[in-house]
């Protein structure tokens, strides 16, 4: 019997995992388009000369969201979000949902700007 990937549903607690991927990022920018109608750009600071109030900044306008990480994300052991982070609220035919994400980032080598980025998107019913 063949496994039908379209019938698999994955949950983390009550939150549905709708997309998860691991990417090698060499230009400090990762774009993921079409997540529940939203285009998400992840920016990874290589060096921060300015003091930032937060290590993660999220800006959204229309169907675009930008998530910026400070250079602290380049910890040699890796680092990421410590929980699910809210990205947007979405209304659909079944009601209101929250789109959340989590990331884990680790640096590739000592002298490279390359990063290995794991990102997961979740849907939570409100």
PDB file of N, CA and C in Angstrom:
ATOM      1  N   UNK A   1       0.847  -1.169   0.000  1.00  0.00           N
ATOM      2  CA  UNK A   1       0.000   0.000   0.000  1.00  0.00           C
ATOM      3  C   UNK A   1       0.895   1.235   0.000  1.00  0.00           C
ATOM      4  N   UNK A   2       0.572   2.202  -0.847  1.00  0.00           N
ATOM      5  CA  UNK A   2       1.327   3.455  -0.948  1.00  0.00           C
ATOM      6  C   UNK A   2       0.813   4.456   0.085  1.00  0.00           C
ATOM      7  N   UNK A   3       1.723   5.217   0.650  1.00  0.00           N
ATOM      8  CA  UNK A   3       1.384   6.263   1.598  1.00  0.00           C
ATOM      9  C   UNK A   3       0.997   7.523   0.833  1.00  0.00           C
ATOM     10  N   UNK A   4      -0.162   8.086   1.139  1.00  0.00           N
ATOM     11  CA  UNK A   4      -0.622   9.308   0.487  1.00  0.00           C
ATOM     12  C   UNK A   4      -0.230  10.493   1.358  1.00  0.00           C
ATOM     13  N   UNK A   5       0.777  11.268   0.930  1.00  0.00           N
ATOM     14  CA  UNK A   5       1.300  12.386   1.702  1.00  0.00           C
ATOM     15  C   UNK A   5       0.225  13.441   1.967  1.00  0.00           C
ATOM     16  N   UNK A   6      -0.790  13.539   1.120  1.00  0.00           N
ATOM     17  CA  UNK A   6      -1.847  14.532   1.293  1.00  0.00           C
ATOM     18  C   UNK A   6      -2.804  14.207   2.431  1.00  0.00           C
ATOM     19  N   UNK A   7      -2.784  12.983   2.932  1.00  0.00           N
ATOM     20  CA  UNK A   7      -3.685  12.613   4.021  1.00  0.00           C
ATOM     21  C   UNK A   7      -3.001  12.644   5.381  1.00  0.00           C
ATOM     22  N   UNK A   8      -1.718  12.922   5.410  1.00  0.00           N
ATOM     23  CA  UNK A   8      -0.976  12.962   6.674  1.00  0.00           C
ATOM     24  C   UNK A   8      -1.195  14.302   7.349  1.00  0.00           C
ATOM     25  N   UNK A   9      -1.498  14.260   8.641  1.00  0.00           N
ATOM     26  CA  UNK A   9      -1.656  15.476   9.437  1.00  0.00           C
ATOM     27  C   UNK A   9      -0.692  15.366  10.610  1.00  0.00           C
ATOM     28  N   UNK A  10       0.119  16.410  10.812  1.00  0.00           N
ATOM     29  CA  UNK A  10       1.118  16.401  11.879  1.00  0.00           C
ATOM     30  C   UNK A  10       0.785  17.522  12.850  1.00  0.00           C
ATOM     31  N   UNK A  11       0.754  17.202  14.146  1.00  0.00           N
ATOM     32  CA  UNK A  11       0.428  18.176  15.178  1.00  0.00           C
ATOM     33  C   UNK A  11       1.549  18.280  16.192  1.00  0.00           C
ATOM     34  N   UNK A  12       1.796  19.487  16.665  1.00  0.00           N
ATOM     35  CA  UNK A  12       2.664  19.735  17.815  1.00  0.00           C
ATOM     36  C   UNK A  12       1.719  20.267  18.884  1.00  0.00           C
ATOM     37  N   UNK A  13       1.317  19.427  19.805  1.00  0.00           N
ATOM     38  CA  UNK A  13       0.240  19.780  20.720  1.00  0.00           C
ATOM     39  C   UNK A  13      -1.033  19.878  19.903  1.00  0.00           C
ATOM     40  N   UNK A  14      -1.734  20.996  19.999  1.00  0.00           N
ATOM     41  CA  UNK A  14      -2.944  21.214  19.207  1.00  0.00           C
ATOM     42  C   UNK A  14      -2.665  21.983  17.924  1.00  0.00           C
ATOM     43  N   UNK A  15      -1.429  22.437  17.719  1.00  0.00           N
ATOM     44  CA  UNK A  15      -1.066  23.238  16.553  1.00  0.00           C
ATOM     45  C   UNK A  15      -0.660  22.324  15.400  1.00  0.00           C
ATOM     46  N   UNK A  16      -1.267  22.579  14.224  1.00  0.00           N
ATOM     47  CA  UNK A  16      -0.954  21.785  13.042  1.00  0.00           C
ATOM     48  C   UNK A  16       0.318  22.301  12.377  1.00  0.00           C
ATOM     49  N   UNK A  17       1.254  21.411  12.114  1.00  0.00           N
ATOM     50  CA  UNK A  17       2.461  21.759  11.366  1.00  0.00           C
ATOM     51  C   UNK A  17       2.082  21.728   9.892  1.00  0.00           C
ATOM     52  N   UNK A  18       2.180  22.906   9.231  1.00  0.00           N
ATOM     53  CA  UNK A  18       1.766  22.976   7.833  1.00  0.00           C
ATOM     54  C   UNK A  18       2.951  22.987   6.870  1.00  0.00           C
ATOM     55  N   UNK A  19       4.141  23.297   7.382  1.00  0.00           N
ATOM     56  CA  UNK A  19       5.344  23.263   6.547  1.00  0.00           C
ATOM     57  C   UNK A  19       6.560  23.217   7.461  1.00  0.00           C
ATOM     58  N   UNK A  20       7.529  22.404   7.088  1.00  0.00           N
ATOM     59  CA  UNK A  20       8.786  22.352   7.809  1.00  0.00           C
ATOM     60  C   UNK A  20       9.882  22.032   6.806  1.00  0.00           C
ATOM     61  N   UNK A  21      10.993  22.754   6.907  1.00  0.00           N
ATOM     62  CA  UNK A  21      12.080  22.513   5.976  1.00  0.00           C
ATOM     63  C   UNK A  21      13.418  22.912   6.562  1.00  0.00           C
ATOM     64  N   UNK A  22      14.461  22.356   5.992  1.00  0.00           N
ATOM     65  CA  UNK A  22      15.834  22.663   6.384  1.00  0.00           C
ATOM     66  C   UNK A  22      16.553  23.193   5.147  1.00  0.00           C
ATOM     67  N   UNK A  23      17.206  24.355   5.303  1.00  0.00           N
ATOM     68  CA  UNK A  23      17.810  25.034   4.159  1.00  0.00           C
ATOM     69  C   UNK A  23      19.216  25.498   4.493  1.00  0.00           C
ATOM     70  N   UNK A  24      20.119  25.426   3.522  1.00  0.00           N
ATOM     71  CA  UNK A  24      21.419  26.065   3.634  1.00  0.00           C
ATOM     72  C   UNK A  24      21.280  27.455   3.023  1.00  0.00           C
ATOM     73  N   UNK A  25      21.617  28.478   3.791  1.00  0.00           N
ATOM     74  CA  UNK A  25      21.456  29.871   3.378  1.00  0.00           C
ATOM     75  C   UNK A  25      22.838  30.517   3.370  1.00  0.00           C
ATOM     76  N   UNK A  26      23.261  31.026   2.202  1.00  0.00           N
ATOM     77  CA  UNK A  26      24.598  31.599   2.064  1.00  0.00           C
ATOM     78  C   UNK A  26      24.580  33.113   1.874  1.00  0.00           C
ATOM     79  N   UNK A  27      23.437  33.696   1.568  1.00  0.00           N
ATOM     80  CA  UNK A  27      23.357  35.135   1.311  1.00  0.00           C
ATOM     81  C   UNK A  27      22.538  35.869   2.361  1.00  0.00           C
ATOM     82  N   UNK A  28      22.414  35.289   3.554  1.00  0.00           N
ATOM     83  CA  UNK A  28      21.761  35.910   4.709  1.00  0.00           C
ATOM     84  C   UNK A  28      20.290  36.227   4.502  1.00  0.00           C
ATOM     85  N   UNK A  29      19.652  35.604   3.525  1.00  0.00           N
ATOM     86  CA  UNK A  29      18.258  35.891   3.203  1.00  0.00           C
ATOM     87  C   UNK A  29      17.574  34.606   2.762  1.00  0.00           C
ATOM     88  N   UNK A  30      16.454  34.282   3.390  1.00  0.00           N
ATOM     89  CA  UNK A  30      15.653  33.111   3.015  1.00  0.00           C
ATOM     90  C   UNK A  30      14.225  33.580   2.784  1.00  0.00           C
ATOM     91  N   UNK A  31      13.693  33.321   1.587  1.00  0.00           N
ATOM     92  CA  UNK A  31      12.316  33.695   1.255  1.00  0.00           C
ATOM     93  C   UNK A  31      11.491  32.428   1.084  1.00  0.00           C
ATOM     94  N   UNK A  32      10.352  32.407   1.755  1.00  0.00           N
ATOM     95  CA  UNK A  32       9.405  31.304   1.619  1.00  0.00           C
ATOM     96  C   UNK A  32       8.071  31.942   1.239  1.00  0.00           C
ATOM     97  N   UNK A  33       7.571  31.589   0.074  1.00  0.00           N
ATOM     98  CA  UNK A  33       6.363  32.221  -0.439  1.00  0.00           C
ATOM     99  C   UNK A  33       5.204  31.243  -0.451  1.00  0.00           C
ATOM    100  N   UNK A  34       4.006  31.766  -0.174  1.00  0.00           N
ATOM    101  CA  UNK A  34       2.795  30.966  -0.286  1.00  0.00           C
ATOM    102  C   UNK A  34       2.409  30.210   0.971  1.00  0.00           C
ATOM    103  N   UNK A  35       2.863  30.639   2.123  1.00  0.00           N
ATOM    104  CA  UNK A  35       2.464  30.012   3.383  1.00  0.00           C
ATOM    105  C   UNK A  35       1.142  30.648   3.804  1.00  0.00           C
ATOM    106  N   UNK A  36       0.033  29.979   3.545  1.00  0.00           N
ATOM    107  CA  UNK A  36      -1.304  30.503   3.848  1.00  0.00           C
ATOM    108  C   UNK A  36      -1.499  31.885   3.222  1.00  0.00           C
ATOM    109  N   UNK A  37      -0.995  32.063   2.003  1.00  0.00           N
ATOM    110  CA  UNK A  37      -1.136  33.322   1.289  1.00  0.00           C
ATOM    111  C   UNK A  37      -0.144  34.390   1.705  1.00  0.00           C
ATOM    112  N   UNK A  38       0.804  34.029   2.544  1.00  0.00           N
ATOM    113  CA  UNK A  38       1.784  34.987   3.052  1.00  0.00           C
ATOM    114  C   UNK A  38       3.164  34.673   2.478  1.00  0.00           C
ATOM    115  N   UNK A  39       3.907  35.724   2.133  1.00  0.00           N
ATOM    116  CA  UNK A  39       5.294  35.592   1.702  1.00  0.00           C
ATOM    117  C   UNK A  39       6.172  36.039   2.863  1.00  0.00           C
ATOM    118  N   UNK A  40       7.060  35.165   3.315  1.00  0.00           N
ATOM    119  CA  UNK A  40       7.875  35.436   4.493  1.00  0.00           C
ATOM    120  C   UNK A  40       9.337  35.508   4.088  1.00  0.00           C
ATOM    121  N   UNK A  41      10.000  36.589   4.502  1.00  0.00           N
ATOM    122  CA  UNK A  41      11.432  36.761   4.260  1.00  0.00           C
ATOM    123  C   UNK A  41      12.140  36.741   5.602  1.00  0.00           C
ATOM    124  N   UNK A  42      13.122  35.872   5.728  1.00  0.00           N
ATOM    125  CA  UNK A  42      13.955  35.800   6.927  1.00  0.00           C
ATOM    126  C   UNK A  42      15.293  36.462   6.608  1.00  0.00           C
ATOM    127  N   UNK A  43      15.669  37.483   7.383  1.00  0.00           N
ATOM    128  CA  UNK A  43      16.959  38.165   7.247  1.00  0.00           C
ATOM    129  C   UNK A  43      17.846  37.770   8.420  1.00  0.00           C
ATOM    130  N   UNK A  44      19.100  37.472   8.141  1.00  0.00           N
ATOM    131  CA  UNK A  44      20.044  37.074   9.181  1.00  0.00           C
ATOM    132  C   UNK A  44      21.207  38.056   9.189  1.00  0.00           C
ATOM    133  N   UNK A  45      21.269  38.905  10.236  1.00  0.00           N
ATOM    134  CA  UNK A  45      22.374  39.861  10.354  1.00  0.00           C
ATOM    135  C   UNK A  45      23.687  39.099  10.450  1.00  0.00           C
ATOM    136  N   UNK A  46      24.663  39.538   9.663  1.00  0.00           N
ATOM    137  CA  UNK A  46      25.989  38.915   9.757  1.00  0.00           C
ATOM    138  C   UNK A  46      26.780  39.546  10.892  1.00  0.00           C
ATOM    139  N   UNK A  47      26.726  40.856  10.974  1.00  0.00           N
ATOM    140  CA  UNK A  47      27.377  41.587  12.061  1.00  0.00           C
ATOM    141  C   UNK A  47      26.469  42.729  12.466  1.00  0.00           C
ATOM    142  N   UNK A  48      26.272  42.900  13.746  1.00  0.00           N
ATOM    143  CA  UNK A  48      25.447  44.009  14.220  1.00  0.00           C
ATOM    144  C   UNK A  48      26.339  45.044  14.872  1.00  0.00           C
ATOM    145  N   UNK A  49      26.428  46.205  14.242  1.00  0.00           N
ATOM    146  CA  UNK A  49      27.197  47.288  14.841  1.00  0.00           C
ATOM    147  C   UNK A  49      26.311  48.136  15.740  1.00  0.00           C
ATOM    148  N   UNK A  50      24.994  48.025  15.542  1.00  0.00           N
ATOM    149  CA  UNK A  50      24.066  48.801  16.349  1.00  0.00           C
ATOM    150  C   UNK A  50      23.436  47.918  17.422  1.00  0.00           C
ATOM    151  N   UNK A  51      23.089  48.530  18.521  1.00  0.00           N
ATOM    152  CA  UNK A  51      22.392  47.806  19.583  1.00  0.00           C
ATOM    153  C   UNK A  51      20.940  47.627  19.170  1.00  0.00           C
ATOM    154  N   UNK A  52      20.459  46.408  19.214  1.00  0.00           N
ATOM    155  CA  UNK A  52      19.067  46.122  18.891  1.00  0.00           C
ATOM    156  C   UNK A  52      18.311  45.892  20.185  1.00  0.00           C
ATOM    157  N   UNK A  53      17.064  46.349  20.201  1.00  0.00           N
ATOM    158  CA  UNK A  53      16.230  46.151  21.380  1.00  0.00           C
ATOM    159  C   UNK A  53      15.858  44.683  21.542  1.00  0.00           C
ATOM    160  N   UNK A  54      15.585  44.001  20.414  1.00  0.00           N
ATOM    161  CA  UNK A  54      15.203  42.595  20.437  1.00  0.00           C
ATOM    162  C   UNK A  54      16.081  41.829  19.450  1.00  0.00           C
ATOM    163  N   UNK A  55      16.237  40.544  19.690  1.00  0.00           N
ATOM    164  CA  UNK A  55      17.020  39.704  18.790  1.00  0.00           C
ATOM    165  C   UNK A  55      16.221  39.262  17.568  1.00  0.00           C
ATOM    166  N   UNK A  56      14.879  39.361  17.650  1.00  0.00           N
ATOM    167  CA  UNK A  56      14.013  39.032  16.518  1.00  0.00           C
ATOM    168  C   UNK A  56      13.048  40.193  16.328  1.00  0.00           C
ATOM    169  N   UNK A  57      13.006  40.739  15.115  1.00  0.00           N
ATOM    170  CA  UNK A  57      12.040  41.773  14.758  1.00  0.00           C
ATOM    171  C   UNK A  57      11.135  41.229  13.666  1.00  0.00           C
ATOM    172  N   UNK A  58       9.823  41.452  13.814  1.00  0.00           N
ATOM    173  CA  UNK A  58       8.857  40.989  12.821  1.00  0.00           C
ATOM    174  C   UNK A  58       8.076  42.192  12.320  1.00  0.00           C
ATOM    175  N   UNK A  59       8.115  42.386  11.014  1.00  0.00           N
ATOM    176  CA  UNK A  59       7.363  43.463  10.370  1.00  0.00           C
ATOM    177  C   UNK A  59       6.450  42.839   9.329  1.00  0.00           C
ATOM    178  N   UNK A  60       5.222  43.314   9.254  1.00  0.00           N
ATOM    179  CA  UNK A  60       4.292  42.777   8.279  1.00  0.00           C
ATOM    180  C   UNK A  60       3.504  43.868   7.608  1.00  0.00           C
ATOM    181  N   UNK A  61       3.289  43.682   6.317  1.00  0.00           N
ATOM    182  CA  UNK A  61       2.468  44.613   5.555  1.00  0.00           C
ATOM    183  C   UNK A  61       1.777  43.834   4.450  1.00  0.00           C
ATOM    184  N   UNK A  62       0.452  43.818   4.489  1.00  0.00           N
ATOM    185  CA  UNK A  62      -0.292  43.070   3.483  1.00  0.00           C
ATOM    186  C   UNK A  62       0.039  41.592   3.544  1.00  0.00           C
ATOM    187  N   UNK A  63       0.407  41.038   2.411  1.00  0.00           N
ATOM    188  CA  UNK A  63       0.719  39.609   2.357  1.00  0.00           C
ATOM    189  C   UNK A  63       2.210  39.326   2.494  1.00  0.00           C
ATOM    190  N   UNK A  64       2.976  40.307   2.976  1.00  0.00           N
ATOM    191  CA  UNK A  64       4.413  40.130   3.147  1.00  0.00           C
ATOM    192  C   UNK A  64       4.800  40.303   4.612  1.00  0.00           C
ATOM    193  N   UNK A  65       5.697  39.452   5.075  1.00  0.00           N
ATOM    194  CA  UNK A  65       6.234  39.556   6.428  1.00  0.00           C
ATOM    195  C   UNK A  65       7.751  39.448   6.356  1.00  0.00           C
ATOM    196  N   UNK A  66       8.420  40.245   7.174  1.00  0.00           N
ATOM    197  CA  UNK A  66       9.882  40.201   7.247  1.00  0.00           C
ATOM    198  C   UNK A  66      10.256  39.884   8.686  1.00  0.00           C
ATOM    199  N   UNK A  67      11.060  38.833   8.848  1.00  0.00           N
ATOM    200  CA  UNK A  67      11.555  38.423  10.156  1.00  0.00           C
ATOM    201  C   UNK A  67      13.060  38.632  10.134  1.00  0.00           C
ATOM    202  N   UNK A  68      13.552  39.526  11.001  1.00  0.00           N
ATOM    203  CA  UNK A  68      14.986  39.831  11.051  1.00  0.00           C
ATOM    204  C   UNK A  68      15.582  39.312  12.353  1.00  0.00           C
ATOM    205  N   UNK A  69      16.701  38.613  12.225  1.00  0.00           N
ATOM    206  CA  UNK A  69      17.416  38.066  13.374  1.00  0.00           C
ATOM    207  C   UNK A  69      18.712  38.830  13.568  1.00  0.00           C
ATOM    208  N   UNK A  70      19.060  39.121  14.821  1.00  0.00           N
ATOM    209  CA  UNK A  70      20.340  39.764  15.113  1.00  0.00           C
ATOM    210  C   UNK A  70      21.471  38.772  14.848  1.00  0.00           C
ATOM    211  N   UNK A  71      22.687  39.259  14.876  1.00  0.00           N
ATOM    212  CA  UNK A  71      23.848  38.397  14.619  1.00  0.00           C
ATOM    213  C   UNK A  71      24.039  37.350  15.712  1.00  0.00           C
ATOM    214  N   UNK A  72      23.345  37.480  16.837  1.00  0.00           N
ATOM    215  CA  UNK A  72      23.451  36.471  17.906  1.00  0.00           C
ATOM    216  C   UNK A  72      22.991  35.094  17.442  1.00  0.00           C
ATOM    217  N   UNK A  73      22.183  35.060  16.386  1.00  0.00           N
ATOM    218  CA  UNK A  73      21.676  33.786  15.875  1.00  0.00           C
ATOM    219  C   UNK A  73      22.825  32.911  15.360  1.00  0.00           C
ATOM    220  N   UNK A  74      23.990  33.515  15.114  1.00  0.00           N
ATOM    221  CA  UNK A  74      25.145  32.801  14.567  1.00  0.00           C
ATOM    222  C   UNK A  74      26.002  32.130  15.633  1.00  0.00           C
ATOM    223  N   UNK A  75      25.444  31.887  16.786  1.00  0.00           N
ATOM    224  CA  UNK A  75      26.129  31.167  17.850  1.00  0.00           C
ATOM    225  C   UNK A  75      26.720  29.883  17.273  1.00  0.00           C
ATOM    226  N   UNK A  76      27.965  29.564  17.617  1.00  0.00           N
ATOM    227  CA  UNK A  76      28.638  28.410  17.014  1.00  0.00           C
ATOM    228  C   UNK A  76      27.939  27.090  17.323  1.00  0.00           C
ATOM    229  N   UNK A  77      27.209  27.028  18.436  1.00  0.00           N
ATOM    230  CA  UNK A  77      26.477  25.803  18.748  1.00  0.00           C
ATOM    231  C   UNK A  77      25.087  25.812  18.134  1.00  0.00           C
ATOM    232  N   UNK A  78      24.667  26.954  17.640  1.00  0.00           N
ATOM    233  CA  UNK A  78      23.340  27.091  17.064  1.00  0.00           C
ATOM    234  C   UNK A  78      22.393  27.735  18.056  1.00  0.00           C
ATOM    235  N   UNK A  79      21.374  28.374  17.526  1.00  0.00           N
ATOM    236  CA  UNK A  79      20.357  28.969  18.391  1.00  0.00           C
ATOM    237  C   UNK A  79      19.084  29.155  17.576  1.00  0.00           C
ATOM    238  N   UNK A  80      18.033  29.509  18.265  1.00  0.00           N
ATOM    239  CA  UNK A  80      16.761  29.690  17.575  1.00  0.00           C
ATOM    240  C   UNK A  80      15.713  30.215  18.513  1.00  0.00           C
ATOM    241  N   UNK A  81      14.486  30.161  18.059  1.00  0.00           N
ATOM    242  CA  UNK A  81      13.387  30.602  18.892  1.00  0.00           C
ATOM    243  C   UNK A  81      13.192  29.594  20.018  1.00  0.00           C
ATOM    244  N   UNK A  82      12.790  30.086  21.169  1.00  0.00           N
ATOM    245  CA  UNK A  82      12.599  29.192  22.311  1.00  0.00           C
ATOM    246  C   UNK A  82      11.171  28.678  22.391  1.00  0.00           C
ATOM    247  N   UNK A  83      10.352  29.093  21.449  1.00  0.00           N
ATOM    248  CA  UNK A  83       8.963  28.643  21.369  1.00  0.00           C
ATOM    249  C   UNK A  83       8.394  29.044  20.027  1.00  0.00           C
ATOM    250  N   UNK A  84       7.119  28.832  19.869  1.00  0.00           N
ATOM    251  CA  UNK A  84       6.444  29.225  18.638  1.00  0.00           C
ATOM    252  C   UNK A  84       6.196  30.730  18.689  1.00  0.00           C
ATOM    253  N   UNK A  85       6.514  31.421  17.605  1.00  0.00           N
ATOM    254  CA  UNK A  85       6.387  32.875  17.523  1.00  0.00           C
ATOM    255  C   UNK A  85       5.254  33.224  16.569  1.00  0.00           C
ATOM    256  N   UNK A  86       4.355  34.125  17.000  1.00  0.00           N
ATOM    257  CA  UNK A  86       3.226  34.500  16.150  1.00  0.00           C
ATOM    258  C   UNK A  86       3.687  35.368  14.996  1.00  0.00           C
ATOM    259  N   UNK A  87       3.203  35.031  13.817  1.00  0.00           N
ATOM    260  CA  UNK A  87       3.545  35.770  12.611  1.00  0.00           C
ATOM    261  C   UNK A  87       2.357  36.570  12.088  1.00  0.00           C
ATOM    262  N   UNK A  88       1.157  35.973  12.092  1.00  0.00           N
ATOM    263  CA  UNK A  88      -0.017  36.664  11.543  1.00  0.00           C
ATOM    264  C   UNK A  88      -1.291  35.962  12.001  1.00  0.00           C
ATOM    265  N   UNK A  89      -2.405  36.696  11.928  1.00  0.00           N
ATOM    266  CA  UNK A  89      -3.735  36.109  12.099  1.00  0.00           C
ATOM    267  C   UNK A  89      -4.365  35.988  10.728  1.00  0.00           C
ATOM    268  N   UNK A  90      -5.035  34.862  10.506  1.00  0.00           N
ATOM    269  CA  UNK A  90      -5.627  34.572   9.206  1.00  0.00           C
ATOM    270  C   UNK A  90      -7.076  34.156   9.417  1.00  0.00           C
ATOM    271  N   UNK A  91      -7.955  34.693   8.613  1.00  0.00           N
ATOM    272  CA  UNK A  91      -9.360  34.275   8.642  1.00  0.00           C
ATOM    273  C   UNK A  91      -9.625  33.447   7.395  1.00  0.00           C
ATOM    274  N   UNK A  92     -10.268  32.305   7.590  1.00  0.00           N
ATOM    275  CA  UNK A  92     -10.676  31.493   6.440  1.00  0.00           C
ATOM    276  C   UNK A  92     -12.090  30.976   6.689  1.00  0.00           C
ATOM    277  N   UNK A  93     -12.554  30.073   5.843  1.00  0.00           N
ATOM    278  CA  UNK A  93     -13.935  29.594   5.934  1.00  0.00           C
ATOM    279  C   UNK A  93     -14.234  28.839   7.225  1.00  0.00           C
ATOM    280  N   UNK A  94     -13.221  28.322   7.897  1.00  0.00           N
ATOM    281  CA  UNK A  94     -13.457  27.575   9.134  1.00  0.00           C
ATOM    282  C   UNK A  94     -13.283  28.436  10.386  1.00  0.00           C
ATOM    283  N   UNK A  95     -12.880  29.690  10.230  1.00  0.00           N
ATOM    284  CA  UNK A  95     -12.719  30.572  11.384  1.00  0.00           C
ATOM    285  C   UNK A  95     -11.387  31.288  11.360  1.00  0.00           C
ATOM    286  N   UNK A  96     -11.007  31.787  12.529  1.00  0.00           N
ATOM    287  CA  UNK A  96      -9.738  32.515  12.640  1.00  0.00           C
ATOM    288  C   UNK A  96      -8.628  31.568  13.073  1.00  0.00           C
ATOM    289  N   UNK A  97      -7.462  31.812  12.491  1.00  0.00           N
ATOM    290  CA  UNK A  97      -6.282  31.010  12.785  1.00  0.00           C
ATOM    291  C   UNK A  97      -5.110  31.936  13.060  1.00  0.00           C
ATOM    292  N   UNK A  98      -4.138  31.442  13.819  1.00  0.00           N
ATOM    293  CA  UNK A  98      -2.863  32.138  13.980  1.00  0.00           C
ATOM    294  C   UNK A  98      -1.807  31.348  13.225  1.00  0.00           C
ATOM    295  N   UNK A  99      -0.984  32.066  12.468  1.00  0.00           N
ATOM    296  CA  UNK A  99       0.166  31.463  11.809  1.00  0.00           C
ATOM    297  C   UNK A  99       1.363  31.722  12.700  1.00  0.00           C
ATOM    298  N   UNK A 100       2.029  30.654  13.097  1.00  0.00           N
ATOM    299  CA  UNK A 100       3.195  30.728  13.981  1.00  0.00           C
ATOM    300  C   UNK A 100       4.391  30.105  13.282  1.00  0.00           C
ATOM    301  N   UNK A 101       5.589  30.404  13.788  1.00  0.00           N
ATOM    302  CA  UNK A 101       6.788  29.770  13.236  1.00  0.00           C
ATOM    303  C   UNK A 101       7.786  29.517  14.353  1.00  0.00           C
ATOM    304  N   UNK A 102       8.714  28.630  14.098  1.00  0.00           N
ATOM    305  CA  UNK A 102       9.875  28.441  14.967  1.00  0.00           C
ATOM    306  C   UNK A 102      11.081  28.202  14.063  1.00  0.00           C
ATOM    307  N   UNK A 103      12.257  28.561  14.558  1.00  0.00           N
ATOM    308  CA  UNK A 103      13.485  28.369  13.777  1.00  0.00           C
ATOM    309  C   UNK A 103      14.596  27.830  14.664  1.00  0.00           C
ATOM    310  N   UNK A 104      15.505  27.148  14.018  1.00  0.00           N
ATOM    311  CA  UNK A 104      16.776  26.774  14.634  1.00  0.00           C
ATOM    312  C   UNK A 104      17.837  27.040  13.574  1.00  0.00           C
ATOM    313  N   UNK A 105      18.894  27.756  13.952  1.00  0.00           N
ATOM    314  CA  UNK A 105      19.923  28.165  13.003  1.00  0.00           C
ATOM    315  C   UNK A 105      21.283  27.751  13.547  1.00  0.00           C
ATOM    316  N   UNK A 106      22.101  27.165  12.691  1.00  0.00           N
ATOM    317  CA  UNK A 106      23.486  26.880  13.076  1.00  0.00           C
ATOM    318  C   UNK A 106      24.407  27.327  11.950  1.00  0.00           C
ATOM    319  N   UNK A 107      25.544  27.834  12.343  1.00  0.00           N
ATOM    320  CA  UNK A 107      26.536  28.344  11.404  1.00  0.00           C
ATOM    321  C   UNK A 107      27.236  27.179  10.714  1.00  0.00           C
ATOM    322  N   UNK A 108      27.555  27.353   9.431  1.00  0.00           N
ATOM    323  CA  UNK A 108      28.282  26.327   8.673  1.00  0.00           C
ATOM    324  C   UNK A 108      29.749  26.744   8.640  1.00  0.00           C
ATOM    325  N   UNK A 109      30.581  26.100   9.416  1.00  0.00           N
ATOM    326  CA  UNK A 109      32.012  26.400   9.441  1.00  0.00           C
ATOM    327  C   UNK A 109      32.338  27.697  10.154  1.00  0.00           C
ATOM    328  N   UNK A 110      33.613  27.892  10.435  1.00  0.00           N
ATOM    329  CA  UNK A 110      34.063  29.071  11.178  1.00  0.00           C
ATOM    330  C   UNK A 110      34.213  30.300  10.300  1.00  0.00           C
ATOM    331  N   UNK A 111      34.644  30.137   9.068  1.00  0.00           N
ATOM    332  CA  UNK A 111      34.966  31.291   8.218  1.00  0.00           C
ATOM    333  C   UNK A 111      33.942  31.509   7.107  1.00  0.00           C
ATOM    334  N   UNK A 112      32.798  30.892   7.220  1.00  0.00           N
ATOM    335  CA  UNK A 112      31.759  30.998   6.202  1.00  0.00           C
ATOM    336  C   UNK A 112      30.597  31.825   6.737  1.00  0.00           C
ATOM    337  N   UNK A 113      29.913  32.526   5.861  1.00  0.00           N
ATOM    338  CA  UNK A 113      28.696  33.219   6.275  1.00  0.00           C
ATOM    339  C   UNK A 113      27.493  32.283   6.163  1.00  0.00           C
ATOM    340  N   UNK A 114      27.729  31.054   5.707  1.00  0.00           N
ATOM    341  CA  UNK A 114      26.653  30.090   5.504  1.00  0.00           C
ATOM    342  C   UNK A 114      25.981  29.665   6.797  1.00  0.00           C
ATOM    343  N   UNK A 115      24.672  29.449   6.705  1.00  0.00           N
ATOM    344  CA  UNK A 115      23.865  29.017   7.843  1.00  0.00           C
ATOM    345  C   UNK A 115      23.006  27.827   7.423  1.00  0.00           C
ATOM    346  N   UNK A 116      22.771  26.923   8.348  1.00  0.00           N
ATOM    347  CA  UNK A 116      21.767  25.888   8.158  1.00  0.00           C
ATOM    348  C   UNK A 116      20.554  26.338   8.958  1.00  0.00           C
ATOM    349  N   UNK A 117      19.424  26.517   8.279  1.00  0.00           N
ATOM    350  CA  UNK A 117      18.222  27.083   8.889  1.00  0.00           C
ATOM    351  C   UNK A 117      17.105  26.048   8.827  1.00  0.00           C
ATOM    352  N   UNK A 118      16.592  25.677   9.990  1.00  0.00           N
ATOM    353  CA  UNK A 118      15.403  24.839  10.083  1.00  0.00           C
ATOM    354  C   UNK A 118      14.248  25.751  10.450  1.00  0.00           C
ATOM    355  N   UNK A 119      13.180  25.700   9.678  1.00  0.00           N
ATOM    356  CA  UNK A 119      12.007  26.538   9.952  1.00  0.00           C
ATOM    357  C   UNK A 119      10.754  25.672   9.877  1.00  0.00           C
ATOM    358  N   UNK A 120       9.857  25.909  10.834  1.00  0.00           N
ATOM    359  CA  UNK A 120       8.597  25.190  10.885  1.00  0.00           C
ATOM    360  C   UNK A 120       7.475  26.208  11.036  1.00  0.00           C
ATOM    361  N   UNK A 121       6.401  26.029  10.268  1.00  0.00           N
ATOM    362  CA  UNK A 121       5.223  26.881  10.362  1.00  0.00           C
ATOM    363  C   UNK A 121       4.070  26.061  10.941  1.00  0.00           C
ATOM    364  N   UNK A 122       3.278  26.702  11.796  1.00  0.00           N
ATOM    365  CA  UNK A 122       2.162  26.068  12.486  1.00  0.00           C
ATOM    366  C   UNK A 122       0.890  26.879  12.289  1.00  0.00           C
ATOM    367  N   UNK A 123      -0.253  26.196  12.374  1.00  0.00           N
ATOM    368  CA  UNK A 123      -1.549  26.865  12.419  1.00  0.00           C
ATOM    369  C   UNK A 123      -2.198  26.548  13.757  1.00  0.00           C
ATOM    370  N   UNK A 124      -2.719  27.583  14.403  1.00  0.00           N
ATOM    371  CA  UNK A 124      -3.411  27.420  15.688  1.00  0.00           C
ATOM    372  C   UNK A 124      -4.813  27.996  15.549  1.00  0.00           C
ATOM    373  N   UNK A 125      -5.811  27.203  15.915  1.00  0.00           N
ATOM    374  CA  UNK A 125      -7.191  27.682  15.894  1.00  0.00           C
ATOM    375  C   UNK A 125      -7.382  28.639  17.064  1.00  0.00           C
ATOM    376  N   UNK A 126      -8.083  29.751  16.782  1.00  0.00           N
ATOM    377  CA  UNK A 126      -8.350  30.742  17.833  1.00  0.00           C
ATOM    378  C   UNK A 126      -9.740  30.492  18.389  1.00  0.00           C
TER     379      UNK A 126
END
